[in-house]
C-alpha atoms as a PDB file:
ATOM      1  CA  UNK A   1      43.611  18.944   0.753  1.00  0.00           C
ATOM      2  CA  UNK A   2      39.791  19.138   1.049  1.00  0.00           C
ATOM      3  CA  UNK A   3      38.012  15.818   1.576  1.00  0.00           C
ATOM      4  CA  UNK A   4      36.488  14.414  -1.614  1.00  0.00           C
ATOM      5  CA  UNK A   5      32.686  14.379  -1.359  1.00  0.00           C
ATOM      6  CA  UNK A   6      31.093  12.292  -4.143  1.00  0.00           C
ATOM      7  CA  UNK A   7      27.854  13.673  -5.581  1.00  0.00           C
ATOM      8  CA  UNK A   8      25.167  11.035  -5.039  1.00  0.00           C
ATOM      9  CA  UNK A   9      21.531  11.264  -6.069  1.00  0.00           C
ATOM     10  CA  UNK A  10      19.191   8.884  -4.235  1.00  0.00           C
ATOM     11  CA  UNK A  11      15.904   8.355  -6.077  1.00  0.00           C
ATOM     12  CA  UNK A  12      13.054   7.431  -3.744  1.00  0.00           C
ATOM     13  CA  UNK A  13      12.363   8.728  -0.229  1.00  0.00           C
ATOM     14  CA  UNK A  14      10.673   5.605   1.077  1.00  0.00           C
ATOM     15  CA  UNK A  15      12.184   3.987   4.124  1.00  0.00           C
ATOM     16  CA  UNK A  16      15.054   2.399   2.145  1.00  0.00           C
ATOM     17  CA  UNK A  17      15.951   5.567   0.243  1.00  0.00           C
ATOM     18  CA  UNK A  18      15.678   7.621   3.434  1.00  0.00           C
ATOM     19  CA  UNK A  19      18.014   5.214   5.244  1.00  0.00           C
ATOM     20  CA  UNK A  20      20.517   5.386   2.380  1.00  0.00           C
ATOM     21  CA  UNK A  21      20.449   9.197   2.311  1.00  0.00           C
ATOM     22  CA  UNK A  22      20.975   9.256   6.077  1.00  0.00           C
ATOM     23  CA  UNK A  23      23.923   6.866   5.936  1.00  0.00           C
ATOM     24  CA  UNK A  24      25.533   8.782   3.079  1.00  0.00           C
ATOM     25  CA  UNK A  25      25.068  12.140   4.797  1.00  0.00           C
ATOM     26  CA  UNK A  26      26.624  11.067   8.100  1.00  0.00           C
ATOM     27  CA  UNK A  27      29.584   9.784   6.072  1.00  0.00           C
ATOM     28  CA  UNK A  28      30.024  13.227   4.516  1.00  0.00           C
ATOM     29  CA  UNK A  29      28.828  12.418   0.983  1.00  0.00           C
ATOM     30  CA  UNK A  30      27.260  15.171  -1.085  1.00  0.00           C
ATOM     31  CA  UNK A  31      23.825  13.528  -1.209  1.00  0.00           C
ATOM     32  CA  UNK A  32      20.555  14.670  -2.763  1.00  0.00           C
ATOM     33  CA  UNK A  33      17.360  12.712  -2.024  1.00  0.00           C
ATOM     34  CA  UNK A  34      14.663  13.042  -4.705  1.00  0.00           C
ATOM     35  CA  UNK A  35      11.048  11.885  -4.554  1.00  0.00           C
ATOM     36  CA  UNK A  36       7.867  12.738  -6.410  1.00  0.00           C
ATOM     37  CA  UNK A  37       5.901  12.798  -3.149  1.00  0.00           C
ATOM     38  CA  UNK A  38       5.909  15.826  -0.860  1.00  0.00           C
ATOM     39  CA  UNK A  39       6.517  13.730   2.272  1.00  0.00           C
ATOM     40  CA  UNK A  40       9.143  11.006   2.862  1.00  0.00           C
ATOM     41  CA  UNK A  41       7.585   7.561   3.105  1.00  0.00           C
ATOM     42  CA  UNK A  42       4.313   8.616   1.485  1.00  0.00           C
ATOM     43  CA  UNK A  43       4.368   5.743  -1.022  1.00  0.00           C
ATOM     44  CA  UNK A  44       4.303   2.039  -0.208  1.00  0.00           C
ATOM     45  CA  UNK A  45       6.272   2.665   3.017  1.00  0.00           C
ATOM     46  CA  UNK A  46       3.289   4.470   4.508  1.00  0.00           C
ATOM     47  CA  UNK A  47       1.144   1.411   3.829  1.00  0.00           C
ATOM     48  CA  UNK A  48       3.438  -1.024   5.649  1.00  0.00           C
ATOM     49  CA  UNK A  49       2.476  -2.773   8.889  1.00  0.00           C
ATOM     50  CA  UNK A  50       5.727  -1.920  10.675  1.00  0.00           C
ATOM     51  CA  UNK A  51       6.711  -5.207  12.335  1.00  0.00           C
ATOM     52  CA  UNK A  52      10.485  -5.592  12.708  1.00  0.00           C
ATOM     53  CA  UNK A  53      11.080  -9.283  13.281  1.00  0.00           C
ATOM     54  CA  UNK A  54      12.691 -12.552  12.311  1.00  0.00           C
ATOM     55  CA  UNK A  55       9.938 -14.728  13.793  1.00  0.00           C
ATOM     56  CA  UNK A  56       8.013 -14.743  10.498  1.00  0.00           C
ATOM     57  CA  UNK A  57      11.053 -16.029   8.630  1.00  0.00           C
ATOM     58  CA  UNK A  58      12.178 -19.603   8.062  1.00  0.00           C
ATOM     59  CA  UNK A  59      15.386 -20.560   9.899  1.00  0.00           C
ATOM     60  CA  UNK A  60      18.108 -21.902   7.637  1.00  0.00           C
ATOM     61  CA  UNK A  61      17.168 -19.804   4.607  1.00  0.00           C
ATOM     62  CA  UNK A  62      19.156 -16.931   3.105  1.00  0.00           C
ATOM     63  CA  UNK A  63      16.286 -14.526   3.686  1.00  0.00           C
ATOM     64  CA  UNK A  64      16.100 -15.482   7.386  1.00  0.00           C
ATOM     65  CA  UNK A  65      19.782 -14.691   7.892  1.00  0.00           C
ATOM     66  CA  UNK A  66      19.212 -11.343   6.205  1.00  0.00           C
ATOM     67  CA  UNK A  67      16.195 -10.581   8.383  1.00  0.00           C
ATOM     68  CA  UNK A  68      18.227 -11.287  11.516  1.00  0.00           C
ATOM     69  CA  UNK A  69      20.908  -8.883  10.324  1.00  0.00           C
ATOM     70  CA  UNK A  70      18.196  -6.327   9.662  1.00  0.00           C
ATOM     71  CA  UNK A  71      16.819  -6.619  13.199  1.00  0.00           C
ATOM     72  CA  UNK A  72      20.330  -6.277  14.649  1.00  0.00           C
ATOM     73  CA  UNK A  73      20.902  -3.150  12.537  1.00  0.00           C
ATOM     74  CA  UNK A  74      17.782  -1.601  14.059  1.00  0.00           C
ATOM     75  CA  UNK A  75      19.376  -1.913  17.502  1.00  0.00           C
ATOM     76  CA  UNK A  76      22.358   0.095  16.267  1.00  0.00           C
ATOM     77  CA  UNK A  77      20.079   2.695  14.694  1.00  0.00           C
ATOM     78  CA  UNK A  78      18.173   3.044  17.969  1.00  0.00           C
ATOM     79  CA  UNK A  79      21.443   3.924  19.689  1.00  0.00           C
ATOM     80  CA  UNK A  80      22.256   6.525  17.012  1.00  0.00           C
ATOM     81  CA  UNK A  81      18.748   8.051  16.770  1.00  0.00           C
ATOM     82  CA  UNK A  82      16.967   7.279  20.058  1.00  0.00           C
ATOM     83  CA  UNK A  83      14.373  10.023  19.575  1.00  0.00           C
ATOM     84  CA  UNK A  84      13.110   8.277  16.425  1.00  0.00           C
ATOM     85  CA  UNK A  85      12.014   5.266  18.490  1.00  0.00           C
ATOM     86  CA  UNK A  86      10.225   6.919  21.397  1.00  0.00           C
ATOM     87  CA  UNK A  87       6.846   5.680  20.148  1.00  0.00           C
ATOM     88  CA  UNK A  88       8.019   2.161  19.239  1.00  0.00           C
ATOM     89  CA  UNK A  89       6.631  -0.871  21.047  1.00  0.00           C
ATOM     90  CA  UNK A  90       8.346  -4.168  21.759  1.00  0.00           C
ATOM     91  CA  UNK A  91       7.252  -7.798  21.714  1.00  0.00           C
ATOM     92  CA  UNK A  92       5.000 -10.103  19.723  1.00  0.00           C
ATOM     93  CA  UNK A  93       2.862 -13.174  20.274  1.00  0.00           C
ATOM     94  CA  UNK A  94       2.432 -15.727  17.504  1.00  0.00           C
ATOM     95  CA  UNK A  95       0.444 -18.937  17.467  1.00  0.00           C
ATOM     96  CA  UNK A  96      -0.966 -21.549  15.109  1.00  0.00           C
ATOM     97  CA  UNK A  97      -4.216 -23.495  15.276  1.00  0.00           C
ATOM     98  CA  UNK A  98      -2.270 -26.646  16.098  1.00  0.00           C
ATOM     99  CA  UNK A  99      -0.260 -26.667  19.329  1.00  0.00           C
ATOM    100  CA  UNK A 100       2.442 -28.836  17.779  1.00  0.00           C
ATOM    101  CA  UNK A 101       2.973 -26.286  14.988  1.00  0.00           C
ATOM    102  CA  UNK A 102       3.414 -23.528  17.574  1.00  0.00           C
ATOM    103  CA  UNK A 103       5.944 -25.635  19.465  1.00  0.00           C
ATOM    104  CA  UNK A 104       7.825 -26.369  16.239  1.00  0.00           C
ATOM    105  CA  UNK A 105       8.118 -22.652  15.379  1.00  0.00           C
ATOM    106  CA  UNK A 106       9.532 -21.869  18.813  1.00  0.00           C
ATOM    107  CA  UNK A 107      12.017 -24.742  18.659  1.00  0.00           C
ATOM    108  CA  UNK A 108      13.315 -23.801  15.205  1.00  0.00           C
ATOM    109  CA  UNK A 109      13.904 -20.188  16.190  1.00  0.00           C
ATOM    110  CA  UNK A 110      15.487 -21.128  19.504  1.00  0.00           C
ATOM    111  CA  UNK A 111      17.874 -23.480  17.704  1.00  0.00           C
ATOM    112  CA  UNK A 112      18.739 -20.612  15.347  1.00  0.00           C
ATOM    113  CA  UNK A 113      19.699 -18.480  18.354  1.00  0.00           C
ATOM    114  CA  UNK A 114      16.632 -16.265  18.628  1.00  0.00           C
ATOM    115  CA  UNK A 115      15.379 -15.161  22.033  1.00  0.00           C
ATOM    116  CA  UNK A 116      11.868 -16.611  22.023  1.00  0.00           C
ATOM    117  CA  UNK A 117       9.873 -18.586  24.553  1.00  0.00           C
ATOM    118  CA  UNK A 118       6.666 -20.565  24.750  1.00  0.00           C
ATOM    119  CA  UNK A 119       3.848 -19.216  26.882  1.00  0.00           C
ATOM    120  CA  UNK A 120       0.895 -21.245  28.113  1.00  0.00           C
ATOM    121  CA  UNK A 121      -2.577 -19.729  28.062  1.00  0.00           C
ATOM    122  CA  UNK A 122      -2.228 -18.085  31.474  1.00  0.00           C
ATOM    123  CA  UNK A 123       0.956 -16.318  30.430  1.00  0.00           C
ATOM    124  CA  UNK A 124      -0.664 -15.076  27.238  1.00  0.00           C
ATOM    125  CA  UNK A 125      -3.661 -13.728  29.165  1.00  0.00           C
ATOM    126  CA  UNK A 126      -1.339 -11.945  31.571  1.00  0.00           C
ATOM    127  CA  UNK A 127       0.409 -10.143  28.708  1.00  0.00           C
ATOM    128  CA  UNK A 128      -2.762  -9.450  26.713  1.00  0.00           C
ATOM    129  CA  UNK A 129      -5.783  -9.373  29.055  1.00  0.00           C
ATOM    130  CA  UNK A 130      -8.122  -8.010  26.373  1.00  0.00           C
ATOM    131  CA  UNK A 131      -7.629 -10.994  24.081  1.00  0.00           C
ATOM    132  CA  UNK A 132     -10.952 -12.851  24.142  1.00  0.00           C
ATOM    133  CA  UNK A 133      -9.790 -16.237  22.930  1.00  0.00           C
ATOM    134  CA  UNK A 134      -6.253 -16.623  24.231  1.00  0.00           C
ATOM    135  CA  UNK A 135      -4.489 -19.630  22.651  1.00  0.00           C
ATOM    136  CA  UNK A 136      -3.388 -22.560  24.772  1.00  0.00           C
ATOM    137  CA  UNK A 137       0.175 -21.921  23.640  1.00  0.00           C
ATOM    138  CA  UNK A 138       1.959 -19.002  21.908  1.00  0.00           C
ATOM    139  CA  UNK A 139       5.479 -18.021  20.908  1.00  0.00           C
ATOM    140  CA  UNK A 140       6.603 -14.873  22.690  1.00  0.00           C
ATOM    141  CA  UNK A 141       9.293 -12.862  20.891  1.00  0.00           C
ATOM    142  CA  UNK A 142      10.192 -10.012  23.276  1.00  0.00           C
ATOM    143  CA  UNK A 143      12.680  -8.229  21.003  1.00  0.00           C
ATOM    144  CA  UNK A 144      10.308  -7.703  18.058  1.00  0.00           C
ATOM    145  CA  UNK A 145       9.660  -4.062  17.306  1.00  0.00           C
ATOM    146  CA  UNK A 146       6.506  -2.277  16.145  1.00  0.00           C
ATOM    147  CA  UNK A 147       6.935   1.175  14.627  1.00  0.00           C
ATOM    148  CA  UNK A 148       5.480   3.665  12.169  1.00  0.00           C
ATOM    149  CA  UNK A 149       7.515   3.315   8.937  1.00  0.00           C
ATOM    150  CA  UNK A 150       6.225   6.649   7.634  1.00  0.00           C
ATOM    151  CA  UNK A 151       7.454   8.511  10.707  1.00  0.00           C
ATOM    152  CA  UNK A 152      10.793   6.705  10.720  1.00  0.00           C
ATOM    153  CA  UNK A 153      11.346   7.699   7.075  1.00  0.00           C
ATOM    154  CA  UNK A 154      10.755  11.326   8.011  1.00  0.00           C
ATOM    155  CA  UNK A 155      13.078  11.070  11.002  1.00  0.00           C
ATOM    156  CA  UNK A 156      15.825   9.579   8.828  1.00  0.00           C
ATOM    157  CA  UNK A 157      15.463  12.358   6.274  1.00  0.00           C
ATOM    158  CA  UNK A 158      15.552  14.991   9.028  1.00  0.00           C
ATOM    159  CA  UNK A 159      18.756  13.431  10.393  1.00  0.00           C
ATOM    160  CA  UNK A 160      20.199  13.369   6.868  1.00  0.00           C
ATOM    161  CA  UNK A 161      19.471  17.073   6.380  1.00  0.00           C
ATOM    162  CA  UNK A 162      20.980  17.865   9.779  1.00  0.00           C
ATOM    163  CA  UNK A 163      24.161  16.074   8.637  1.00  0.00           C
ATOM    164  CA  UNK A 164      24.311  18.146   5.447  1.00  0.00           C
ATOM    165  CA  UNK A 165      22.156  16.137   3.037  1.00  0.00           C
ATOM    166  CA  UNK A 166      19.779  17.833   0.600  1.00  0.00           C
ATOM    167  CA  UNK A 167      16.253  16.908  -0.468  1.00  0.00           C
ATOM    168  CA  UNK A 168      14.105  17.595  -3.492  1.00  0.00           C
ATOM    169  CA  UNK A 169      10.626  16.420  -2.511  1.00  0.00           C
ATOM    170  CA  UNK A 170       7.579  16.774  -4.719  1.00  0.00           C
ATOM    171  CA  UNK A 171       9.880  16.468  -7.750  1.00  0.00           C
ATOM    172  CA  UNK A 172       9.723  13.472 -10.052  1.00  0.00           C
ATOM    173  CA  UNK A 173      12.756  12.152 -11.907  1.00  0.00           C
ATOM    174  CA  UNK A 174      11.941  12.483 -15.605  1.00  0.00           C
ATOM    175  CA  UNK A 175      15.094  10.919 -17.070  1.00  0.00           C
ATOM    176  CA  UNK A 176      18.507   9.487 -16.269  1.00  0.00           C
ATOM    177  CA  UNK A 177      21.287  10.449 -18.670  1.00  0.00           C
ATOM    178  CA  UNK A 178      23.828   7.746 -19.506  1.00  0.00           C
ATOM    179  CA  UNK A 179      26.958   7.610 -21.635  1.00  0.00           C
ATOM    180  CA  UNK A 180      29.774   5.083 -22.075  1.00  0.00           C
ATOM    181  CA  UNK A 181      28.433   2.685 -19.470  1.00  0.00           C
ATOM    182  CA  UNK A 182      27.939   5.321 -16.777  1.00  0.00           C
ATOM    183  CA  UNK A 183      25.226   7.616 -15.496  1.00  0.00           C
ATOM    184  CA  UNK A 184      26.136  11.256 -16.026  1.00  0.00           C
ATOM    185  CA  UNK A 185      23.115  13.129 -14.694  1.00  0.00           C
ATOM    186  CA  UNK A 186      19.570  12.906 -13.379  1.00  0.00           C
ATOM    187  CA  UNK A 187      16.828  15.091 -14.778  1.00  0.00           C
ATOM    188  CA  UNK A 188      14.302  16.462 -12.331  1.00  0.00           C
ATOM    189  CA  UNK A 189      11.703  18.499 -14.159  1.00  0.00           C
ATOM    190  CA  UNK A 190      13.604  20.903 -16.385  1.00  0.00           C
ATOM    191  CA  UNK A 191      16.757  20.697 -14.273  1.00  0.00           C
ATOM    192  CA  UNK A 192      19.749  18.494 -15.061  1.00  0.00           C
ATOM    193  CA  UNK A 193      21.633  17.379 -11.939  1.00  0.00           C
ATOM    194  CA  UNK A 194      25.169  16.193 -12.656  1.00  0.00           C
ATOM    195  CA  UNK A 195      26.284  13.440 -10.283  1.00  0.00           C
ATOM    196  CA  UNK A 196      28.942  10.803  -9.669  1.00  0.00           C
ATOM    197  CA  UNK A 197      26.559   8.029  -8.551  1.00  0.00           C
ATOM    198  CA  UNK A 198      22.832   7.347  -8.628  1.00  0.00           C
ATOM    199  CA  UNK A 199      21.056   5.073  -6.159  1.00  0.00           C
ATOM    200  CA  UNK A 200      17.646   3.809  -7.251  1.00  0.00           C
ATOM    201  CA  UNK A 201      15.482   3.093  -4.210  1.00  0.00           C
ATOM    202  CA  UNK A 202      12.064   3.986  -5.624  1.00  0.00           C
ATOM    203  CA  UNK A 203      10.335   0.688  -4.812  1.00  0.00           C
ATOM    204  CA  UNK A 204       8.078  -0.537  -7.581  1.00  0.00           C
ATOM    205  CA  UNK A 205       8.946   2.599  -9.559  1.00  0.00           C
ATOM    206  CA  UNK A 206      12.456   1.259 -10.156  1.00  0.00           C
ATOM    207  CA  UNK A 207      11.193  -0.976 -12.978  1.00  0.00           C
ATOM    208  CA  UNK A 208       9.841   2.008 -14.913  1.00  0.00           C
ATOM    209  CA  UNK A 209      13.100   3.913 -14.456  1.00  0.00           C
ATOM    210  CA  UNK A 210      15.369   1.090 -15.614  1.00  0.00           C
ATOM    211  CA  UNK A 211      13.130   0.298 -18.564  1.00  0.00           C
ATOM    212  CA  UNK A 212      13.862   3.750 -20.001  1.00  0.00           C
ATOM    213  CA  UNK A 213      17.384   2.600 -20.782  1.00  0.00           C
ATOM    214  CA  UNK A 214      16.575  -1.004 -21.640  1.00  0.00           C
ATOM    215  CA  UNK A 215      17.355  -2.790 -18.363  1.00  0.00           C
ATOM    216  CA  UNK A 216      14.945  -5.377 -16.939  1.00  0.00           C
ATOM    217  CA  UNK A 217      15.769  -6.094 -13.297  1.00  0.00           C
ATOM    218  CA  UNK A 218      13.006  -8.687 -12.899  1.00  0.00           C
ATOM    219  CA  UNK A 219      11.250  -6.534 -10.310  1.00  0.00           C
ATOM    220  CA  UNK A 220       7.504  -6.970  -9.894  1.00  0.00           C
ATOM    221  CA  UNK A 221       5.029  -5.885  -7.215  1.00  0.00           C
ATOM    222  CA  UNK A 222       2.824  -7.790  -4.795  1.00  0.00           C
ATOM    223  CA  UNK A 223      -0.223  -6.152  -3.163  1.00  0.00           C
ATOM    224  CA  UNK A 224      -0.789  -6.152   0.580  1.00  0.00           C
ATOM    225  CA  UNK A 225      -3.684  -4.602   2.464  1.00  0.00           C
ATOM    226  CA  UNK A 226      -3.228  -2.362   5.491  1.00  0.00           C
ATOM    227  CA  UNK A 227      -6.360  -1.692   7.529  1.00  0.00           C
ATOM    228  CA  UNK A 228      -6.574   1.045  10.147  1.00  0.00           C
ATOM    229  CA  UNK A 229      -9.303   1.190  12.774  1.00  0.00           C
ATOM    230  CA  UNK A 230     -10.039   4.181  14.986  1.00  0.00           C
ATOM    231  CA  UNK A 231     -10.030   3.098  18.616  1.00  0.00           C
ATOM    232  CA  UNK A 232     -10.534   5.298  21.646  1.00  0.00           C
ATOM    233  CA  UNK A 233      -8.424   3.485  24.219  1.00  0.00           C
ATOM    234  CA  UNK A 234      -5.495   1.060  24.643  1.00  0.00           C
ATOM    235  CA  UNK A 235      -6.347  -2.548  23.865  1.00  0.00           C
ATOM    236  CA  UNK A 236      -3.097  -4.301  22.969  1.00  0.00           C
ATOM    237  CA  UNK A 237       0.407  -4.172  24.383  1.00  0.00           C
ATOM    238  CA  UNK A 238       2.151  -6.199  21.661  1.00  0.00           C
ATOM    239  CA  UNK A 239       1.844  -7.430  18.102  1.00  0.00           C
ATOM    240  CA  UNK A 240      -0.467 -10.421  17.762  1.00  0.00           C
ATOM    241  CA  UNK A 241      -0.454 -12.920  14.929  1.00  0.00           C
ATOM    242  CA  UNK A 242      -2.891 -15.805  15.085  1.00  0.00           C
ATOM    243  CA  UNK A 243      -4.814 -17.875  12.563  1.00  0.00           C
ATOM    244  CA  UNK A 244      -7.464 -15.189  12.085  1.00  0.00           C
ATOM    245  CA  UNK A 245      -5.614 -11.890  12.223  1.00  0.00           C
ATOM    246  CA  UNK A 246      -2.326 -10.004  12.425  1.00  0.00           C
ATOM    247  CA  UNK A 247      -2.820  -6.868  14.504  1.00  0.00           C
ATOM    248  CA  UNK A 248      -0.989  -4.222  16.501  1.00  0.00           C
ATOM    249  CA  UNK A 249      -1.937  -0.941  18.154  1.00  0.00           C
ATOM    250  CA  UNK A 250      -0.220   2.383  17.485  1.00  0.00           C
ATOM    251  CA  UNK A 251       0.627   4.990  20.092  1.00  0.00           C
ATOM    252  CA  UNK A 252      -2.508   6.970  19.166  1.00  0.00           C
ATOM    253  CA  UNK A 253      -4.576   3.802  19.814  1.00  0.00           C
ATOM    254  CA  UNK A 254      -5.229   3.138  16.115  1.00  0.00           C
ATOM    255  CA  UNK A 255      -5.509  -0.596  15.502  1.00  0.00           C
ATOM    256  CA  UNK A 256      -3.635  -1.815  12.425  1.00  0.00           C
ATOM    257  CA  UNK A 257      -4.216  -5.081  10.597  1.00  0.00           C
ATOM    258  CA  UNK A 258      -2.034  -6.525   7.848  1.00  0.00           C
ATOM    259  CA  UNK A 259      -3.785  -8.756   5.356  1.00  0.00           C
ATOM    260  CA  UNK A 260      -2.825 -10.394   2.077  1.00  0.00           C
ATOM    261  CA  UNK A 261      -4.743  -9.140  -0.935  1.00  0.00           C
ATOM    262  CA  UNK A 262      -4.862 -10.366  -4.512  1.00  0.00           C
ATOM    263  CA  UNK A 263      -6.603  -7.884  -6.763  1.00  0.00           C
ATOM    264  CA  UNK A 264      -6.878 -10.488  -9.533  1.00  0.00           C
ATOM    265  CA  UNK A 265      -8.802 -13.040  -7.482  1.00  0.00           C
ATOM    266  CA  UNK A 266     -10.451 -10.916  -4.784  1.00  0.00           C
ATOM    267  CA  UNK A 267     -14.027 -10.051  -5.663  1.00  0.00           C
ATOM    268  CA  UNK A 268     -14.351  -7.632  -2.739  1.00  0.00           C
ATOM    269  CA  UNK A 269     -13.015  -4.114  -2.384  1.00  0.00           C
ATOM    270  CA  UNK A 270     -10.399  -3.157   0.228  1.00  0.00           C
ATOM    271  CA  UNK A 271     -13.098  -1.211   2.058  1.00  0.00           C
ATOM    272  CA  UNK A 272     -15.389  -4.240   2.231  1.00  0.00           C
ATOM    273  CA  UNK A 273     -12.478  -6.438   3.340  1.00  0.00           C
ATOM    274  CA  UNK A 274     -11.860  -3.943   6.121  1.00  0.00           C
ATOM    275  CA  UNK A 275     -15.472  -4.087   7.271  1.00  0.00           C
ATOM    276  CA  UNK A 276     -15.342  -7.883   7.337  1.00  0.00           C
ATOM    277  CA  UNK A 277     -12.157  -7.799   9.425  1.00  0.00           C
ATOM    278  CA  UNK A 278     -13.845  -5.474  11.898  1.00  0.00           C
ATOM    279  CA  UNK A 279     -16.153  -8.335  12.808  1.00  0.00           C
ATOM    280  CA  UNK A 280     -13.091 -10.540  13.413  1.00  0.00           C
ATOM    281  CA  UNK A 281     -11.531  -7.827  15.588  1.00  0.00           C
ATOM    282  CA  UNK A 282     -14.635  -7.621  17.735  1.00  0.00           C
ATOM    283  CA  UNK A 283     -14.720 -11.389  18.028  1.00  0.00           C
ATOM    284  CA  UNK A 284     -11.043 -11.664  19.024  1.00  0.00           C
ATOM    285  CA  UNK A 285     -10.590  -8.564  21.220  1.00  0.00           C
ATOM    286  CA  UNK A 286     -12.540  -6.922  24.025  1.00  0.00           C
ATOM    287  CA  UNK A 287     -13.195  -3.602  22.341  1.00  0.00           C
ATOM    288  CA  UNK A 288     -15.074  -0.554  23.512  1.00  0.00           C
ATOM    289  CA  UNK A 289     -17.955   0.768  21.449  1.00  0.00           C
ATOM    290  CA  UNK A 290     -17.129   3.071  18.590  1.00  0.00           C
ATOM    291  CA  UNK A 291     -14.255   1.188  16.943  1.00  0.00           C
ATOM    292  CA  UNK A 292     -14.601   1.703  13.193  1.00  0.00           C
ATOM    293  CA  UNK A 293     -12.662   1.325   9.974  1.00  0.00           C
ATOM    294  CA  UNK A 294     -10.625   4.460   9.270  1.00  0.00           C
ATOM    295  CA  UNK A 295      -8.833   3.438   6.077  1.00  0.00           C
ATOM    296  CA  UNK A 296      -8.126   0.467   3.822  1.00  0.00           C
ATOM    297  CA  UNK A 297      -5.042   0.893   1.630  1.00  0.00           C
ATOM    298  CA  UNK A 298      -3.213  -1.377  -0.760  1.00  0.00           C
ATOM    299  CA  UNK A 299       0.569  -1.193  -0.823  1.00  0.00           C
ATOM    300  CA  UNK A 300       2.363  -2.583  -3.869  1.00  0.00           C
ATOM    301  CA  UNK A 301       5.432  -4.210  -2.356  1.00  0.00           C
ATOM    302  CA  UNK A 302       8.458  -4.516  -4.672  1.00  0.00           C
ATOM    303  CA  UNK A 303       9.490  -8.172  -4.970  1.00  0.00           C
ATOM    304  CA  UNK A 304      11.791 -10.453  -6.918  1.00  0.00           C
ATOM    305  CA  UNK A 305      11.081 -14.065  -7.827  1.00  0.00           C
ATOM    306  CA  UNK A 306      13.563 -15.427  -5.270  1.00  0.00           C
ATOM    307  CA  UNK A 307      12.105 -13.336  -2.446  1.00  0.00           C
ATOM    308  CA  UNK A 308      15.403 -11.524  -1.829  1.00  0.00           C
ATOM    309  CA  UNK A 309      16.131  -7.797  -2.220  1.00  0.00           C
ATOM    310  CA  UNK A 310      18.662  -6.403  -4.689  1.00  0.00           C
ATOM    311  CA  UNK A 311      21.563  -4.332  -3.430  1.00  0.00           C
ATOM    312  CA  UNK A 312      24.430  -3.509  -5.747  1.00  0.00           C
ATOM    313  CA  UNK A 313      25.646  -1.832  -8.918  1.00  0.00           C
ATOM    314  CA  UNK A 314      23.990  -2.737 -12.193  1.00  0.00           C
ATOM    315  CA  UNK A 315      26.335  -4.513 -14.594  1.00  0.00           C
ATOM    316  CA  UNK A 316      25.202  -2.230 -17.418  1.00  0.00           C
ATOM    317  CA  UNK A 317      26.205   1.016 -15.638  1.00  0.00           C
ATOM    318  CA  UNK A 318      29.137   1.073 -13.252  1.00  0.00           C
ATOM    319  CA  UNK A 319      27.848   3.959 -11.115  1.00  0.00           C
ATOM    320  CA  UNK A 320      24.141   3.076 -11.023  1.00  0.00           C
ATOM    321  CA  UNK A 321      23.202   1.329  -7.780  1.00  0.00           C
ATOM    322  CA  UNK A 322      20.030  -0.667  -7.124  1.00  0.00           C
ATOM    323  CA  UNK A 323      18.527  -0.848  -3.623  1.00  0.00           C
ATOM    324  CA  UNK A 324      15.057  -2.344  -3.632  1.00  0.00           C
ATOM    325  CA  UNK A 325      13.058  -5.334  -2.422  1.00  0.00           C
ATOM    326  CA  UNK A 326      10.818  -6.805   0.240  1.00  0.00           C
ATOM    327  CA  UNK A 327      10.716  -6.670   3.262  1.00  0.00           C
ATOM    328  CA  UNK A 328      11.918  -3.098   2.938  1.00  0.00           C
ATOM    329  CA  UNK A 329      10.880  -1.955   6.412  1.00  0.00           C
ATOM    330  CA  UNK A 330      12.771  -4.759   8.162  1.00  0.00           C
ATOM    331  CA  UNK A 331      15.862  -4.350   6.007  1.00  0.00           C
ATOM    332  CA  UNK A 332      15.993  -0.563   5.534  1.00  0.00           C
ATOM    333  CA  UNK A 333      18.694   0.332   8.097  1.00  0.00           C
ATOM    334  CA  UNK A 334      20.855  -2.591   6.951  1.00  0.00           C
ATOM    335  CA  UNK A 335      20.402  -1.777   3.270  1.00  0.00           C
ATOM    336  CA  UNK A 336      21.010   1.897   4.019  1.00  0.00           C
ATOM    337  CA  UNK A 337      24.368   1.241   5.646  1.00  0.00           C
ATOM    338  CA  UNK A 338      25.517  -1.306   3.084  1.00  0.00           C
ATOM    339  CA  UNK A 339      24.514   0.867   0.128  1.00  0.00           C
ATOM    340  CA  UNK A 340      26.315   3.880   1.552  1.00  0.00           C
ATOM    341  CA  UNK A 341      29.456   1.838   2.172  1.00  0.00           C
ATOM    342  CA  UNK A 342      29.366   0.346  -1.335  1.00  0.00           C
ATOM    343  CA  UNK A 343      28.880   3.703  -3.066  1.00  0.00           C
ATOM    344  CA  UNK A 344      31.574   5.458  -1.064  1.00  0.00           C
ATOM    345  CA  UNK A 345      34.016   2.618  -1.590  1.00  0.00           C
ATOM    346  CA  UNK A 346      33.390   2.783  -5.342  1.00  0.00           C
ATOM    347  CA  UNK A 347      33.861   6.550  -5.271  1.00  0.00           C
ATOM    348  CA  UNK A 348      37.194   6.152  -3.471  1.00  0.00           C
ATOM    349  CA  UNK A 349      38.423   3.547  -5.947  1.00  0.00           C
ATOM    350  CA  UNK A 350      37.482   5.843  -8.826  1.00  0.00           C
ATOM    351  CA  UNK A 351      39.743   8.642  -7.566  1.00  0.00           C
END
């Protein structure tokens, strides 16, 4: 008897949707990934900083446990798709203005089982010799990972296609057909695609989709600013997060800074904020001449009030699955595997 292959439509080719499509494809599902953008990860994913870590979490919280699982899942993904991580960099340094606060962060993460250590000023300078004002003490997290979320999304989609998955990029979902508590089809343009399950992983766009059939998931968005600076040579070896900036350097030497941004209270444009941060960069790092702002982009991160992502079937529709939330880049491989397992288990039970 031929193996049953459930027809699954994944809406959203950001890093979470791409990871779900990949995990479904390698498990032999009949999966179609749909996105209105022409390139996977071109939405909010492409405006993410790309720091895979647990060091920014708070030990003892539910979100921290989830982040740690997410980091562990990345290690498994690196074994499965090593070529996707050739350009990744490892390690971060984090410090606070107060030495005691830095010590407290290290202690809490060590007690939680994380591999972190405290470095005195000399050790920091050895790791990052182009840091002008090295802190007296910093937390070194050697297993943290810096990567390009846009490129990883594309690599995941390529691996999905290689495993038999299909894509429909540059095609927006115009409607989702429902009947008797189930989704029956997805409409893409003038085409109706009949399916067994639908996975909604379209980031902030999920709210608009669910509102069309009267479901409020409580999803909102929170803006974050990603600044890119053209730089002609290597400056940093690891991710740095201090009181004045959060910065890393990409393989092409571009310097990236993540910065909070509130459009309601900020009276400066993203471009002007980027120019101001350039002065901070020059003050904190030994830069060559010619470093300049290349882009300043706002990414609308999908968030829920409790700070946790949503992963599971909606109660209103038994075959409509929700996979969305912040921090999507950290959690994408974990959410991708779990979503695929949930959908395929439900498909098996339905037989």
